[in-house]
Amino acid sequence: MIIEMDHWPKDKRSMTIKWRFRELQARQNISNLQISKTLRISTTTVSSWRQSDDLPRLSGERLDQICRILKCSIHDLIYED
């Protein structure tokens, strides 16, 4: 099913899901290298996550793994803007 944006309420069209990855990573003092090794991904990927406040497209499982590494809940990590 395709939903056209014109049918969404105007206040929901510009809603963006953000995340506090950079802030939580700094708070836990965890390096990009540590995260990349734990998740078995490149440091470039972790670096790109750190540079953006917009939530990247990630699976629920990956978000859960990130929360465990950062010792936070999903509610601590993501929010709507």
Protein backbone atom coordinates (compact mmCIF):
# COMPACT_ATOMS: atom_id res chain seq x y z
CA MET A 1 0.00 0.00 0.00
CA ILE A 2 1.27 3.46 -0.90
CA ILE A 3 0.18 6.42 1.20
CA GLU A 4 0.51 9.80 -0.40
CA MET A 5 1.96 12.53 1.81
CA ASP A 6 -0.99 14.78 0.88
CA HIS A 7 -3.25 12.54 2.97
CA TRP A 8 -1.13 12.87 6.12
CA PRO A 9 -2.03 15.50 8.69
CA LYS A 10 0.08 18.60 8.05
CA ASP A 11 1.71 18.44 11.47
CA LYS A 12 3.02 14.90 10.72
CA ARG A 13 4.49 15.64 7.29
CA SER A 14 7.60 17.33 8.60
CA MET A 15 8.08 15.09 11.65
CA THR A 16 11.58 13.68 11.77
CA ILE A 17 12.88 10.91 13.97
CA LYS A 18 16.11 12.01 15.60
CA TRP A 19 18.60 10.24 17.79
CA ARG A 20 21.10 11.11 20.51
CA PHE A 21 23.82 8.70 19.41
CA ARG A 22 26.66 11.22 19.61
CA GLU A 23 25.59 12.48 23.04
CA LEU A 24 25.13 9.00 24.53
CA GLN A 25 28.36 7.71 23.00
CA ALA A 26 30.27 10.61 24.57
CA ARG A 27 28.54 10.12 27.92
CA GLN A 28 29.63 6.46 28.00
CA ASN A 29 33.11 7.36 26.67
CA ILE A 30 32.94 4.63 24.03
CA SER A 31 35.03 5.00 20.88
CA ASN A 32 33.88 4.47 17.32
CA LEU A 33 36.36 1.58 17.13
CA GLN A 34 34.83 -0.14 20.17
CA ILE A 35 31.35 0.16 18.72
CA SER A 36 32.43 -1.01 15.28
CA LYS A 37 34.16 -4.07 16.71
CA THR A 38 31.20 -4.98 18.92
CA LEU A 39 28.69 -4.61 16.08
CA ARG A 40 31.08 -5.96 13.41
CA ILE A 41 30.64 -2.93 11.19
CA SER A 42 33.06 -0.37 9.78
CA THR A 43 34.27 2.61 11.76
CA THR A 44 33.11 4.71 8.79
CA THR A 45 29.53 3.61 9.48
CA VAL A 46 29.82 4.51 13.16
CA SER A 47 31.39 7.84 12.21
CA SER A 48 28.49 8.64 9.88
CA TRP A 49 26.03 7.80 12.68
CA ARG A 50 27.92 10.16 14.98
CA GLN A 51 27.79 13.01 12.47
CA SER A 52 24.00 12.99 12.05
CA ASP A 53 21.16 13.72 14.44
CA ASP A 54 18.71 12.06 12.03
CA LEU A 55 18.02 8.43 12.85
CA PRO A 56 19.46 6.23 10.09
CA ARG A 57 17.51 3.29 8.73
CA LEU A 58 18.32 0.51 11.23
CA SER A 59 16.61 -2.72 12.23
CA GLY A 60 15.02 -3.07 15.65
CA GLU A 61 17.68 -5.64 16.49
CA ARG A 62 20.46 -3.20 15.60
CA LEU A 63 18.84 -0.44 17.68
CA ASP A 64 18.64 -2.87 20.60
CA GLN A 65 22.33 -3.68 20.21
CA ILE A 66 23.22 0.01 20.15
CA CYS A 67 21.16 0.61 23.29
CA ARG A 68 22.97 -2.20 25.09
CA ILE A 69 26.36 -0.79 24.10
CA LEU A 70 25.37 2.74 25.15
CA LYS A 71 23.60 1.47 28.30
CA CYS A 72 20.40 3.32 27.50
CA SER A 73 16.78 2.67 26.62
CA ILE A 74 15.33 3.18 23.16
CA HIS A 75 13.50 6.20 24.62
CA ASP A 76 16.83 7.71 25.65
CA LEU A 77 18.22 7.16 22.15
CA ILE A 78 15.46 8.29 19.79
CA TYR A 79 12.93 11.11 19.79
CA GLU A 80 10.59 12.95 17.42
CA ASP A 81 11.38 16.44 16.23
